[in-house]
Amino acid sequence: MALIDDAAFVAAGGYIYIADPDTAKPTDIKDPLAPGNGWESIGHTSLDDLPEFGRDGDDPEVKGSWQNVKLRATTPDVTYSVTIKSIQATALTYQLYFGAGPAAVQADKSFRIPAQPRPQTKALLVVLVDGANYLPLWHPRVSLLGSDAVGLAADDFVSFPIKGTFLGSSLIGNAIGEWAQIAAPEAPPVQGGGGE
């Protein structure tokens, strides 16, 4: 593997968007504040607790035969997720945290918390920002719901932890997402040699 200095990415900033399930991946993000039609920002998220991508499941188990004690490793059952801490007390945050759709917003703009939460399935786009470089992480189907207690502190923002569990999407052959990569810069064309 080549040493690609620009591929060492610092998540110095970022933006998180949701859209209807199976919304197509943006093809070319020129501005992290404008990923394309259909994407809605979830707003401010915690600087101290950045989004955390998790992995939960089994580890591969080595199976052997009489002739080869380490013949094959099993394929583990793994679930991937992301936890986001929203710091905006808005209807969208409440919908994702408490598990309710837009109908939970009342005429006076208050939010009615359901007795039984229902995860909200959305497309998710996380755009990491490192200077002038952007790294989009796209998941076409994500089940979103509050994952822990609402955080209160006298010297910090109220925070709403929301966990997104990545689901398979027929849009991409039942895979769970696509992450961009920082490619190696193209080498300059080789000039033809030869004497006069």
Protein backbone atom coordinates (compact mmCIF):
# COMPACT_ATOMS: atom_id res chain seq x y z
CA MET A 1 0.00 0.00 0.00
CA ALA A 2 1.27 3.44 -0.92
CA LEU A 3 2.02 6.11 1.67
CA ILE A 4 -0.68 8.73 1.03
CA ASP A 5 -0.16 11.69 3.34
CA ASP A 6 -3.49 13.31 2.39
CA ALA A 7 -5.36 10.13 3.31
CA ALA A 8 -4.47 10.62 6.98
CA PHE A 9 -7.68 12.42 7.85
CA VAL A 10 -8.46 14.55 10.92
CA ALA A 11 -12.17 14.88 11.73
CA ALA A 12 -11.77 18.55 12.63
CA GLY A 13 -15.37 19.32 11.69
CA GLY A 14 -18.36 17.59 10.25
CA TYR A 15 -21.99 17.71 9.23
CA ILE A 16 -24.72 15.11 9.63
CA TYR A 17 -27.68 14.82 7.29
CA ILE A 18 -30.73 12.59 7.02
CA ALA A 19 -33.08 11.95 4.13
CA ASP A 20 -35.82 9.55 3.10
CA PRO A 21 -34.70 5.91 3.23
CA ASP A 22 -32.72 4.81 0.16
CA THR A 23 -31.90 8.37 -0.93
CA ALA A 24 -29.06 8.08 -3.42
CA LYS A 25 -25.51 8.87 -2.44
CA PRO A 26 -24.36 12.38 -3.42
CA THR A 27 -22.06 12.06 -6.39
CA ASP A 28 -19.71 14.99 -5.86
CA ILE A 29 -19.76 17.11 -2.72
CA LYS A 30 -18.17 20.50 -3.38
CA ASP A 31 -19.57 22.13 -0.23
CA PRO A 32 -20.20 20.17 2.99
CA LEU A 33 -23.09 22.54 3.74
CA ALA A 34 -24.83 21.60 0.48
CA PRO A 35 -24.76 17.83 -0.10
CA GLY A 36 -27.67 17.91 -2.55
CA ASN A 37 -31.45 17.79 -2.78
CA GLY A 38 -33.37 15.83 -0.18
CA TRP A 39 -30.75 15.96 2.59
CA GLU A 40 -31.68 17.74 5.85
CA SER A 41 -29.08 18.73 8.45
CA ILE A 42 -29.71 17.46 11.97
CA GLY A 43 -27.99 20.62 13.21
CA HIS A 44 -25.39 21.06 15.94
CA THR A 45 -23.84 18.00 17.54
CA SER A 46 -21.46 17.72 20.47
CA LEU A 47 -17.83 18.78 20.01
CA ASP A 48 -16.74 16.82 23.10
CA ASP A 49 -18.51 13.61 22.07
CA LEU A 50 -18.01 13.22 18.34
CA PRO A 51 -20.01 10.61 16.43
CA GLU A 52 -18.81 7.14 17.36
CA PHE A 53 -19.03 4.28 14.91
CA GLY A 54 -19.54 0.99 16.68
CA ARG A 55 -19.26 -2.71 15.94
CA ASP A 56 -21.19 -5.30 17.91
CA GLY A 57 -21.17 -9.02 17.32
CA ASP A 58 -19.21 -12.21 17.32
CA ASP A 59 -15.55 -12.66 16.54
CA PRO A 60 -14.55 -15.17 13.88
CA GLU A 61 -14.14 -18.67 15.29
CA VAL A 62 -11.43 -20.94 13.95
CA LYS A 63 -12.66 -24.39 12.94
CA GLY A 64 -10.32 -27.26 12.34
CA SER A 65 -10.20 -30.75 11.01
CA TRP A 66 -8.26 -33.75 12.18
CA GLN A 67 -5.71 -32.99 9.50
CA ASN A 68 -5.61 -29.19 9.89
CA VAL A 69 -6.53 -27.76 13.29
CA LYS A 70 -6.89 -24.26 11.79
CA LEU A 71 -8.71 -25.05 8.58
CA ARG A 72 -11.17 -22.17 8.32
CA ALA A 73 -12.55 -19.14 10.19
CA THR A 74 -16.30 -18.67 10.50
CA THR A 75 -18.10 -15.60 9.23
CA PRO A 76 -19.25 -13.64 12.30
CA ASP A 77 -22.65 -12.01 12.69
CA VAL A 78 -21.84 -8.30 13.12
CA THR A 79 -24.00 -5.20 13.50
CA TYR A 80 -22.57 -1.74 12.77
CA SER A 81 -23.90 1.51 14.18
CA VAL A 82 -23.17 5.16 14.90
CA THR A 83 -24.00 7.18 18.02
CA ILE A 84 -24.57 10.91 17.60
CA LYS A 85 -25.08 13.47 20.35
CA SER A 86 -27.41 16.21 19.15
CA ILE A 87 -27.31 19.45 21.14
CA GLN A 88 -30.33 21.09 19.49
CA ALA A 89 -33.71 20.97 21.26
CA THR A 90 -35.71 20.86 18.03
CA ALA A 91 -38.58 18.81 16.64
CA LEU A 92 -36.19 16.83 14.43
CA THR A 93 -33.96 15.92 17.38
CA TYR A 94 -37.03 14.87 19.39
CA GLN A 95 -38.34 12.75 16.51
CA LEU A 96 -35.08 10.83 16.28
CA TYR A 97 -34.51 10.57 20.04
CA PHE A 98 -38.05 9.70 21.17
CA GLY A 99 -39.00 7.65 18.10
CA ALA A 100 -41.92 9.53 16.59
CA GLY A 101 -42.71 11.08 13.24
CA PRO A 102 -43.65 14.67 12.37
CA ALA A 103 -47.25 14.07 13.59
CA ALA A 104 -45.94 14.27 17.18
CA VAL A 105 -45.43 18.04 16.74
CA GLN A 106 -48.49 19.77 18.20
CA ALA A 107 -50.28 22.94 17.06
CA ASP A 108 -48.40 24.99 19.69
CA LYS A 109 -45.09 23.51 18.40
CA SER A 110 -44.59 21.34 21.47
CA PHE A 111 -43.58 17.72 20.91
CA ARG A 112 -45.76 14.88 22.18
CA ILE A 113 -43.56 12.03 23.45
CA PRO A 114 -44.99 8.63 22.52
CA ALA A 115 -45.43 5.93 25.17
CA GLN A 116 -43.93 3.42 22.76
CA PRO A 117 -41.03 4.69 20.63
CA ARG A 118 -40.72 3.62 17.02
CA PRO A 119 -37.28 3.83 15.43
CA GLN A 120 -37.16 6.24 12.52
CA THR A 121 -35.64 4.75 9.36
CA LYS A 122 -33.71 7.30 7.32
CA ALA A 123 -30.79 7.61 4.94
CA LEU A 124 -27.75 9.02 6.76
CA LEU A 125 -24.88 11.08 5.40
CA VAL A 126 -21.93 12.10 7.58
CA VAL A 127 -19.49 14.51 5.94
CA LEU A 128 -16.17 14.74 7.77
CA VAL A 129 -14.19 17.92 7.15
CA ASP A 130 -10.41 18.33 7.32
CA GLY A 131 -9.48 21.73 5.90
CA ALA A 132 -10.45 21.71 2.23
CA ASN A 133 -10.92 17.92 2.19
CA TYR A 134 -14.29 16.21 2.68
CA LEU A 135 -14.90 12.57 3.50
CA PRO A 136 -18.54 11.50 2.93
CA LEU A 137 -19.86 8.43 4.75
CA TRP A 138 -23.22 7.32 3.30
CA HIS A 139 -25.70 4.79 4.66
CA PRO A 140 -28.98 4.44 2.72
CA ARG A 141 -31.01 2.81 5.53
CA VAL A 142 -30.41 3.54 9.21
CA SER A 143 -32.72 2.84 12.16
CA LEU A 144 -32.46 5.85 14.52
CA LEU A 145 -33.58 6.02 18.15
CA GLY A 146 -32.44 7.53 21.45
CA SER A 147 -29.80 5.35 23.06
CA ASP A 148 -29.11 6.79 26.50
CA ALA A 149 -30.24 9.42 28.98
CA VAL A 150 -30.59 13.06 27.96
CA GLY A 151 -27.45 14.75 29.25
CA LEU A 152 -27.81 17.79 31.50
CA ALA A 153 -25.00 19.91 32.92
CA ALA A 154 -24.80 23.40 34.38
CA ASP A 155 -21.81 24.24 32.20
CA ASP A 156 -22.57 22.45 28.93
CA PHE A 157 -25.29 21.97 26.33
CA VAL A 158 -28.19 19.59 26.85
CA SER A 159 -27.36 16.52 24.74
CA PHE A 160 -29.56 13.90 23.11
CA PRO A 161 -27.69 10.65 22.30
CA ILE A 162 -29.15 9.01 19.20
CA LYS A 163 -28.02 5.61 17.96
CA GLY A 164 -28.27 4.70 14.30
CA THR A 165 -28.14 0.99 13.43
CA PHE A 166 -27.11 0.37 9.83
CA LEU A 167 -29.56 -1.73 7.82
CA GLY A 168 -29.13 -3.49 4.49
CA SER A 169 -30.41 -1.69 1.41
CA SER A 170 -31.51 -3.24 -1.88
CA LEU A 171 -30.17 -0.04 -3.47
CA ILE A 172 -26.65 -1.42 -2.99
CA GLY A 173 -27.15 -5.20 -3.02
CA ASN A 174 -28.19 -5.36 0.67
CA ALA A 175 -24.92 -3.78 1.80
CA ILE A 176 -25.13 -1.24 4.63
CA GLY A 177 -23.29 1.77 3.22
CA GLU A 178 -20.46 3.24 1.21
CA TRP A 179 -17.59 5.32 2.57
CA ALA A 180 -15.47 7.50 0.32
CA GLN A 181 -11.73 7.16 0.36
CA ILE A 182 -8.91 9.56 -0.19
CA ALA A 183 -7.20 8.31 -3.31
CA ALA A 184 -3.54 8.64 -4.15
CA PRO A 185 -2.84 11.65 -6.36
CA GLU A 186 -2.47 10.72 -9.98
CA ALA A 187 1.10 10.44 -11.13
CA PRO A 188 2.11 12.86 -13.86
CA PRO A 189 2.22 11.27 -17.29
CA VAL A 190 5.55 9.74 -18.23
CA GLN A 191 7.23 11.72 -20.95
CA GLY A 192 8.41 9.71 -23.90
CA GLY A 193 12.16 9.27 -24.08
CA GLY A 194 14.34 9.05 -27.08
CA GLY A 195 17.16 10.95 -28.61
CA GLU A 196 17.20 13.21 -31.59
